Amino acid sequence: MFQAIVVTRNSPGRILIRLMPGLIFLLEGIQKFLNPEMIAIDYVQRMGFDDPSLGVKILGGIEIICALLILIGFLTRIAIIPLFLIICTFLYVIKFPDNQGMDLWIQKLKLDFCLIISLIYLFLYGAGKWSIDRWFTQRKKSFYDPI
C-alpha cells in the first residue's frame, strides 16, 4: 500500500510542477496567519465556522503543511488531497456565486485552473526524480531485490 502511494517516475522536470502549487499554497497559508482578517474571514464564514479566526488558522496550517510536503516531495499524493478540497470548496463558495459574466469569471479563474491541473498531474504521476517519495521507492526496490 505504501509503495503504491509513493511510487513516482524518473522525471527531474516534475520539480518545476511541484513548485507552483507548493509555493502558492505556502504563501497563501502564511498570509492567513499574518493577515487573517483581510485574507479569508469571508471564505471561512461562508463555510460555516463559528469562530472565523480559528477557521483561518486551521486552513492556513493545513495549507502550509501540505505545501511543504509537496515542495520536498514527501507523501505528495496524500498532501494533494486536502489542497484539492480547499481549492474546490473555495471555487464553489466564493467564485461561482458571482453573477458578473463569463469574461470576468474566466479572468478570475486562471490561477485556480492552473493549480487544479498541477495538483491533478502530481496526483497521477507523482513527485518526480528529486523527491523523498522517489528515494523511498528506490530504497524499497534495492531492499527487496534478490542478491
N, C-alpha and C. Protein backbone atom coordinates (compact mmCIF):
# COMPACT_ATOMS: atom_id res chain seq x y z
N MET A 1 0.82 -1.20 0.00
CA MET A 1 0.00 0.00 0.00
C MET A 1 0.87 1.26 0.00
N PHE A 2 1.85 1.31 0.91
CA PHE A 2 2.74 2.48 0.97
C PHE A 2 3.50 2.65 -0.33
N GLN A 3 3.92 1.53 -0.92
CA GLN A 3 4.65 1.57 -2.19
C GLN A 3 3.79 2.20 -3.29
N ALA A 4 2.51 1.88 -3.33
CA ALA A 4 1.63 2.45 -4.35
C ALA A 4 1.43 3.95 -4.17
N ILE A 5 1.50 4.42 -2.95
CA ILE A 5 1.30 5.85 -2.68
C ILE A 5 2.52 6.66 -3.07
N VAL A 6 3.73 6.16 -2.81
CA VAL A 6 4.92 6.97 -3.03
C VAL A 6 5.62 6.70 -4.36
N VAL A 7 5.16 5.72 -5.15
CA VAL A 7 5.84 5.42 -6.41
C VAL A 7 5.76 6.64 -7.33
N THR A 8 6.88 6.93 -7.99
CA THR A 8 6.96 8.10 -8.86
C THR A 8 7.86 7.79 -10.05
N ARG A 9 7.71 8.51 -11.10
CA ARG A 9 8.50 8.29 -12.30
C ARG A 9 9.80 9.08 -12.24
N ASN A 10 10.74 8.75 -13.09
CA ASN A 10 12.07 9.35 -13.07
C ASN A 10 12.14 10.58 -13.97
N SER A 11 11.45 11.63 -13.59
CA SER A 11 11.44 12.85 -14.38
C SER A 11 11.90 14.03 -13.52
N PRO A 12 13.08 14.59 -13.81
CA PRO A 12 13.57 15.70 -13.00
C PRO A 12 12.76 16.98 -13.19
N GLY A 13 12.05 17.12 -14.29
CA GLY A 13 11.28 18.32 -14.55
C GLY A 13 10.06 18.47 -13.67
N ARG A 14 9.68 17.42 -13.00
CA ARG A 14 8.50 17.49 -12.15
C ARG A 14 8.68 18.41 -10.95
N ILE A 15 9.93 18.71 -10.61
CA ILE A 15 10.16 19.63 -9.50
C ILE A 15 9.59 21.01 -9.84
N LEU A 16 9.61 21.39 -11.12
CA LEU A 16 9.04 22.67 -11.52
C LEU A 16 7.53 22.69 -11.34
N ILE A 17 6.89 21.56 -11.61
CA ILE A 17 5.44 21.49 -11.42
C ILE A 17 5.11 21.47 -9.93
N ARG A 18 5.98 20.89 -9.10
CA ARG A 18 5.76 20.91 -7.65
C ARG A 18 5.91 22.31 -7.08
N LEU A 19 6.77 23.12 -7.71
CA LEU A 19 7.00 24.47 -7.19
C LEU A 19 5.75 25.35 -7.26
N MET A 20 4.97 25.23 -8.34
CA MET A 20 3.83 26.13 -8.49
C MET A 20 2.80 25.96 -7.36
N PRO A 21 2.20 24.80 -7.18
CA PRO A 21 1.22 24.71 -6.09
C PRO A 21 1.88 24.80 -4.72
N GLY A 22 3.11 24.27 -4.60
CA GLY A 22 3.78 24.32 -3.31
C GLY A 22 4.02 25.73 -2.82
N LEU A 23 4.60 26.57 -3.67
CA LEU A 23 4.88 27.94 -3.26
C LEU A 23 3.62 28.77 -3.10
N ILE A 24 2.66 28.59 -4.00
CA ILE A 24 1.43 29.38 -3.91
C ILE A 24 0.66 29.05 -2.62
N PHE A 25 0.49 27.76 -2.32
CA PHE A 25 -0.23 27.40 -1.10
C PHE A 25 0.58 27.76 0.15
N LEU A 26 1.91 27.67 0.09
CA LEU A 26 2.72 28.07 1.24
C LEU A 26 2.55 29.56 1.52
N LEU A 27 2.63 30.38 0.50
CA LEU A 27 2.46 31.82 0.68
C LEU A 27 1.04 32.17 1.13
N GLU A 28 0.05 31.50 0.58
CA GLU A 28 -1.34 31.74 1.00
C GLU A 28 -1.54 31.36 2.46
N GLY A 29 -0.95 30.24 2.87
CA GLY A 29 -1.07 29.81 4.26
C GLY A 29 -0.40 30.78 5.21
N ILE A 30 0.77 31.28 4.84
CA ILE A 30 1.46 32.26 5.68
C ILE A 30 0.65 33.55 5.77
N GLN A 31 0.06 33.98 4.65
CA GLN A 31 -0.77 35.19 4.67
C GLN A 31 -1.96 35.04 5.60
N LYS A 32 -2.50 33.84 5.70
CA LYS A 32 -3.65 33.62 6.58
C LYS A 32 -3.27 33.81 8.05
N PHE A 33 -2.00 33.58 8.39
CA PHE A 33 -1.55 33.83 9.76
C PHE A 33 -1.18 35.29 9.97
N LEU A 34 -0.60 35.93 8.96
CA LEU A 34 -0.17 37.31 9.11
C LEU A 34 -1.31 38.31 9.03
N ASN A 35 -2.28 38.06 8.17
CA ASN A 35 -3.39 38.98 7.92
C ASN A 35 -4.71 38.23 7.85
N PRO A 36 -5.14 37.58 8.91
CA PRO A 36 -6.34 36.73 8.80
C PRO A 36 -7.61 37.52 8.49
N GLU A 37 -7.72 38.74 8.99
CA GLU A 37 -8.95 39.49 8.78
C GLU A 37 -9.11 39.97 7.34
N MET A 38 -8.02 40.13 6.62
CA MET A 38 -8.11 40.64 5.25
C MET A 38 -8.16 39.52 4.22
N ILE A 39 -7.66 38.36 4.56
CA ILE A 39 -7.49 37.31 3.56
C ILE A 39 -8.71 36.42 3.42
N ALA A 40 -9.12 35.76 4.49
CA ALA A 40 -10.05 34.66 4.31
C ALA A 40 -11.21 34.61 5.30
N ILE A 41 -11.47 35.67 6.04
CA ILE A 41 -12.57 35.63 7.01
C ILE A 41 -13.90 35.36 6.30
N ASP A 42 -14.15 36.05 5.19
CA ASP A 42 -15.40 35.86 4.45
C ASP A 42 -15.54 34.42 3.97
N TYR A 43 -14.45 33.87 3.45
CA TYR A 43 -14.44 32.48 2.97
C TYR A 43 -14.77 31.51 4.09
N VAL A 44 -14.12 31.69 5.25
CA VAL A 44 -14.32 30.79 6.38
C VAL A 44 -15.72 30.95 6.96
N GLN A 45 -16.25 32.17 6.99
CA GLN A 45 -17.61 32.38 7.48
C GLN A 45 -18.63 31.69 6.58
N ARG A 46 -18.42 31.78 5.27
CA ARG A 46 -19.35 31.12 4.34
C ARG A 46 -19.28 29.61 4.44
N MET A 47 -18.15 29.07 4.91
CA MET A 47 -18.02 27.62 5.09
C MET A 47 -18.74 27.14 6.34
N GLY A 48 -19.10 28.06 7.24
CA GLY A 48 -19.89 27.69 8.41
C GLY A 48 -19.11 27.60 9.72
N PHE A 49 -17.89 28.10 9.80
CA PHE A 49 -17.15 28.09 11.05
C PHE A 49 -17.76 29.10 12.01
N ASP A 50 -17.92 28.72 13.29
CA ASP A 50 -18.44 29.64 14.30
C ASP A 50 -17.42 30.74 14.62
N ASP A 51 -16.16 30.34 14.74
CA ASP A 51 -15.09 31.29 15.03
C ASP A 51 -14.22 31.44 13.79
N PRO A 52 -14.43 32.48 12.99
CA PRO A 52 -13.69 32.63 11.73
C PRO A 52 -12.18 32.70 11.91
N SER A 53 -11.69 33.32 13.00
CA SER A 53 -10.24 33.43 13.18
C SER A 53 -9.61 32.06 13.41
N LEU A 54 -10.30 31.19 14.12
CA LEU A 54 -9.81 29.82 14.32
C LEU A 54 -9.84 29.05 13.00
N GLY A 55 -10.91 29.23 12.23
CA GLY A 55 -11.01 28.56 10.93
C GLY A 55 -9.91 28.98 9.97
N VAL A 56 -9.57 30.28 9.99
CA VAL A 56 -8.50 30.77 9.13
C VAL A 56 -7.16 30.16 9.55
N LYS A 57 -6.92 30.03 10.85
CA LYS A 57 -5.67 29.43 11.32
C LYS A 57 -5.59 27.96 10.95
N ILE A 58 -6.69 27.24 11.08
CA ILE A 58 -6.71 25.82 10.70
C ILE A 58 -6.45 25.69 9.21
N LEU A 59 -7.14 26.48 8.42
CA LEU A 59 -6.96 26.45 6.97
C LEU A 59 -5.52 26.82 6.59
N GLY A 60 -4.98 27.85 7.20
CA GLY A 60 -3.60 28.25 6.93
C GLY A 60 -2.60 27.18 7.32
N GLY A 61 -2.83 26.54 8.46
CA GLY A 61 -1.94 25.47 8.90
C GLY A 61 -1.94 24.28 7.94
N ILE A 62 -3.12 23.90 7.48
CA ILE A 62 -3.22 22.80 6.51
C ILE A 62 -2.50 23.18 5.22
N GLU A 63 -2.70 24.40 4.75
CA GLU A 63 -2.04 24.83 3.52
C GLU A 63 -0.53 24.84 3.66
N ILE A 64 -0.01 25.30 4.79
CA ILE A 64 1.44 25.36 4.99
C ILE A 64 2.03 23.95 5.05
N ILE A 65 1.44 23.07 5.84
CA ILE A 65 1.96 21.71 5.99
C ILE A 65 1.93 20.96 4.67
N CYS A 66 0.80 21.00 3.99
CA CYS A 66 0.69 20.28 2.71
C CYS A 66 1.60 20.87 1.64
N ALA A 67 1.75 22.19 1.63
CA ALA A 67 2.64 22.82 0.66
C ALA A 67 4.08 22.42 0.89
N LEU A 68 4.50 22.36 2.14
CA LEU A 68 5.86 21.92 2.44
C LEU A 68 6.08 20.47 2.03
N LEU A 69 5.08 19.62 2.26
CA LEU A 69 5.18 18.22 1.83
C LEU A 69 5.32 18.12 0.31
N ILE A 70 4.58 18.93 -0.41
CA ILE A 70 4.68 18.92 -1.88
C ILE A 70 6.05 19.45 -2.32
N LEU A 71 6.53 20.50 -1.69
CA LEU A 71 7.81 21.07 -2.09
C LEU A 71 8.98 20.10 -1.89
N ILE A 72 8.96 19.35 -0.80
CA ILE A 72 10.04 18.38 -0.59
C ILE A 72 9.74 17.04 -1.25
N GLY A 73 8.52 16.86 -1.72
CA GLY A 73 8.18 15.63 -2.42
C GLY A 73 7.97 14.45 -1.49
N PHE A 74 7.40 14.67 -0.32
CA PHE A 74 7.16 13.60 0.64
C PHE A 74 5.65 13.39 0.80
N LEU A 75 5.19 12.19 0.55
CA LEU A 75 3.76 11.85 0.59
C LEU A 75 2.95 12.84 -0.25
N THR A 76 3.44 13.09 -1.42
CA THR A 76 2.88 14.13 -2.29
C THR A 76 1.42 13.87 -2.60
N ARG A 77 1.09 12.64 -2.94
CA ARG A 77 -0.30 12.34 -3.30
C ARG A 77 -1.26 12.55 -2.14
N ILE A 78 -0.82 12.24 -0.94
CA ILE A 78 -1.67 12.45 0.24
C ILE A 78 -1.80 13.94 0.53
N ALA A 79 -0.73 14.70 0.38
CA ALA A 79 -0.76 16.15 0.64
C ALA A 79 -1.63 16.90 -0.36
N ILE A 80 -1.79 16.33 -1.54
CA ILE A 80 -2.59 16.99 -2.57
C ILE A 80 -4.07 16.96 -2.24
N ILE A 81 -4.54 15.93 -1.59
CA ILE A 81 -5.98 15.75 -1.35
C ILE A 81 -6.58 16.93 -0.57
N PRO A 82 -6.02 17.34 0.59
CA PRO A 82 -6.63 18.48 1.29
C PRO A 82 -6.55 19.78 0.49
N LEU A 83 -5.45 19.98 -0.24
CA LEU A 83 -5.33 21.21 -1.03
C LEU A 83 -6.34 21.23 -2.16
N PHE A 84 -6.56 20.08 -2.78
CA PHE A 84 -7.57 19.99 -3.84
C PHE A 84 -8.96 20.28 -3.28
N LEU A 85 -9.26 19.74 -2.10
CA LEU A 85 -10.56 20.01 -1.47
C LEU A 85 -10.70 21.48 -1.09
N ILE A 86 -9.62 22.09 -0.61
CA ILE A 86 -9.66 23.52 -0.26
C ILE A 86 -9.96 24.36 -1.48
N ILE A 87 -9.26 24.12 -2.58
CA ILE A 87 -9.44 24.96 -3.76
C ILE A 87 -10.81 24.72 -4.39
N CYS A 88 -11.30 23.48 -4.39
CA CYS A 88 -12.64 23.23 -4.95
C CYS A 88 -13.72 23.86 -4.09
N THR A 89 -13.56 23.80 -2.77
CA THR A 89 -14.52 24.45 -1.87
C THR A 89 -14.47 25.95 -2.05
N PHE A 90 -13.28 26.51 -2.20
CA PHE A 90 -13.13 27.94 -2.43
C PHE A 90 -13.84 28.37 -3.71
N LEU A 91 -13.66 27.58 -4.76
CA LEU A 91 -14.33 27.91 -6.03
C LEU A 91 -15.85 27.86 -5.87
N TYR A 92 -16.34 26.85 -5.20
CA TYR A 92 -17.79 26.69 -5.04
C TYR A 92 -18.38 27.77 -4.15
N VAL A 93 -17.69 28.08 -3.06
CA VAL A 93 -18.25 29.01 -2.07
C VAL A 93 -18.05 30.47 -2.48
N ILE A 94 -16.90 30.80 -3.04
CA ILE A 94 -16.57 32.21 -3.29
C ILE A 94 -16.73 32.61 -4.75
N LYS A 95 -16.18 31.85 -5.67
CA LYS A 95 -16.11 32.33 -7.05
C LYS A 95 -17.32 32.00 -7.90
N PHE A 96 -17.95 30.86 -7.70
CA PHE A 96 -19.09 30.51 -8.55
C PHE A 96 -20.35 31.33 -8.27
N PRO A 97 -20.63 31.74 -7.03
CA PRO A 97 -21.85 32.53 -6.81
C PRO A 97 -21.88 33.89 -7.50
N ASP A 98 -20.72 34.42 -7.90
CA ASP A 98 -20.71 35.72 -8.57
C ASP A 98 -21.39 35.62 -9.93
N ASN A 99 -22.33 36.49 -10.17
CA ASN A 99 -23.02 36.54 -11.46
C ASN A 99 -22.57 37.79 -12.22
N GLN A 100 -21.28 37.84 -12.55
CA GLN A 100 -20.73 39.03 -13.17
C GLN A 100 -20.37 38.82 -14.63
N GLY A 101 -20.78 37.74 -15.21
CA GLY A 101 -20.49 37.49 -16.61
C GLY A 101 -19.34 36.52 -16.80
N MET A 102 -19.36 35.86 -17.94
CA MET A 102 -18.39 34.81 -18.23
C MET A 102 -16.97 35.36 -18.40
N ASP A 103 -16.80 36.53 -18.98
CA ASP A 103 -15.47 37.08 -19.19
C ASP A 103 -14.74 37.32 -17.87
N LEU A 104 -15.42 37.95 -16.92
CA LEU A 104 -14.80 38.21 -15.63
C LEU A 104 -14.57 36.91 -14.87
N TRP A 105 -15.48 35.96 -14.99
CA TRP A 105 -15.36 34.68 -14.32
C TRP A 105 -14.12 33.93 -14.83
N ILE A 106 -13.90 33.92 -16.13
CA ILE A 106 -12.72 33.27 -16.70
C ILE A 106 -11.45 34.00 -16.26
N GLN A 107 -11.49 35.31 -16.20
CA GLN A 107 -10.35 36.10 -15.76
C GLN A 107 -9.96 35.75 -14.33
N LYS A 108 -10.95 35.58 -13.45
CA LYS A 108 -10.70 35.28 -12.05
C LYS A 108 -10.28 33.82 -11.83
N LEU A 109 -10.55 32.97 -12.78
CA LEU A 109 -10.35 31.53 -12.59
C LEU A 109 -9.02 31.01 -13.12
N LYS A 110 -8.22 31.84 -13.76
CA LYS A 110 -6.99 31.36 -14.42
C LYS A 110 -6.02 30.69 -13.44
N LEU A 111 -5.68 31.34 -12.36
CA LEU A 111 -4.74 30.78 -11.40
C LEU A 111 -5.30 29.52 -10.76
N ASP A 112 -6.58 29.55 -10.42
CA ASP A 112 -7.20 28.37 -9.81
C ASP A 112 -7.17 27.18 -10.75
N PHE A 113 -7.42 27.42 -12.02
CA PHE A 113 -7.38 26.34 -13.01
C PHE A 113 -5.97 25.76 -13.11
N CYS A 114 -4.95 26.61 -13.13
CA CYS A 114 -3.56 26.13 -13.19
C CYS A 114 -3.22 25.31 -11.95
N LEU A 115 -3.66 25.75 -10.78
CA LEU A 115 -3.41 25.00 -9.55
C LEU A 115 -4.09 23.63 -9.60
N ILE A 116 -5.34 23.60 -10.04
CA ILE A 116 -6.06 22.33 -10.11
C ILE A 116 -5.38 21.36 -11.07
N ILE A 117 -4.98 21.84 -12.24
CA ILE A 117 -4.32 20.98 -13.23
C ILE A 117 -2.98 20.47 -12.68
N SER A 118 -2.20 21.33 -12.03
CA SER A 118 -0.91 20.88 -11.49
C SER A 118 -1.11 19.88 -10.35
N LEU A 119 -2.13 20.06 -9.52
CA LEU A 119 -2.41 19.10 -8.45
C LEU A 119 -2.84 17.75 -9.03
N ILE A 120 -3.68 17.78 -10.05
CA ILE A 120 -4.11 16.52 -10.69
C ILE A 120 -2.91 15.82 -11.31
N TYR A 121 -2.05 16.57 -12.00
CA TYR A 121 -0.86 15.99 -12.63
C TYR A 121 0.03 15.31 -11.58
N LEU A 122 0.30 16.00 -10.48
CA LEU A 122 1.15 15.43 -9.44
C LEU A 122 0.49 14.23 -8.78
N PHE A 123 -0.82 14.25 -8.65
CA PHE A 123 -1.52 13.11 -8.07
C PHE A 123 -1.41 11.89 -8.97
N LEU A 124 -1.51 12.11 -10.27
CA LEU A 124 -1.45 10.99 -11.22
C LEU A 124 -0.04 10.45 -11.42
N TYR A 125 0.96 11.34 -11.50
CA TYR A 125 2.30 10.93 -11.90
C TYR A 125 3.36 10.98 -10.80
N GLY A 126 3.05 11.50 -9.64
CA GLY A 126 4.00 11.51 -8.55
C GLY A 126 4.90 12.73 -8.54
N ALA A 127 5.78 12.76 -7.55
CA ALA A 127 6.60 13.94 -7.29
C ALA A 127 7.83 14.06 -8.17
N GLY A 128 8.28 12.99 -8.78
CA GLY A 128 9.41 13.08 -9.70
C GLY A 128 10.72 12.61 -9.10
N LYS A 129 11.78 12.82 -9.86
CA LYS A 129 13.11 12.28 -9.54
C LYS A 129 13.68 12.86 -8.25
N TRP A 130 13.60 14.16 -8.07
CA TRP A 130 14.18 14.80 -6.90
C TRP A 130 13.13 14.97 -5.82
N SER A 131 12.77 13.86 -5.18
CA SER A 131 11.77 13.89 -4.13
C SER A 131 12.06 12.79 -3.11
N ILE A 132 11.51 12.95 -1.94
CA ILE A 132 11.65 11.92 -0.91
C ILE A 132 10.85 10.69 -1.31
N ASP A 133 9.72 10.87 -1.98
CA ASP A 133 8.95 9.72 -2.48
C ASP A 133 9.81 8.84 -3.38
N ARG A 134 10.58 9.45 -4.25
CA ARG A 134 11.46 8.70 -5.16
C ARG A 134 12.53 7.94 -4.37
N TRP A 135 13.07 8.60 -3.36
CA TRP A 135 14.08 7.95 -2.52
C TRP A 135 13.50 6.72 -1.84
N PHE A 136 12.26 6.81 -1.35
CA PHE A 136 11.61 5.66 -0.72
C PHE A 136 11.43 4.52 -1.71
N THR A 137 11.00 4.83 -2.93
CA THR A 137 10.78 3.75 -3.90
C THR A 137 12.10 3.11 -4.31
N GLN A 138 13.16 3.88 -4.45
CA GLN A 138 14.47 3.31 -4.79
C GLN A 138 14.99 2.45 -3.65
N ARG A 139 14.82 2.91 -2.44
CA ARG A 139 15.27 2.17 -1.27
C ARG A 139 14.51 0.86 -1.13
N LYS A 140 13.22 0.88 -1.36
CA LYS A 140 12.40 -0.33 -1.26
C LYS A 140 12.81 -1.34 -2.32
N LYS A 141 13.06 -0.86 -3.56
CA LYS A 141 13.45 -1.77 -4.62
C LYS A 141 14.77 -2.46 -4.30
N SER A 142 15.74 -1.69 -3.83
CA SER A 142 17.05 -2.30 -3.55
C SER A 142 16.97 -3.22 -2.35
N PHE A 143 16.07 -2.96 -1.40
CA PHE A 143 15.92 -3.79 -0.22
C PHE A 143 15.29 -5.13 -0.57
N TYR A 144 14.33 -5.12 -1.49
CA TYR A 144 13.63 -6.35 -1.83
C TYR A 144 14.22 -7.09 -3.02
N ASP A 145 15.15 -6.49 -3.73
CA ASP A 145 15.77 -7.18 -4.86
C ASP A 145 16.60 -8.36 -4.38
N PRO A 146 16.52 -9.49 -5.10
CA PRO A 146 17.35 -10.63 -4.70
C PRO A 146 18.81 -10.36 -4.96
N ILE A 147 19.65 -10.93 -4.16
CA ILE A 147 21.09 -10.70 -4.28
C ILE A 147 21.68 -11.52 -5.41
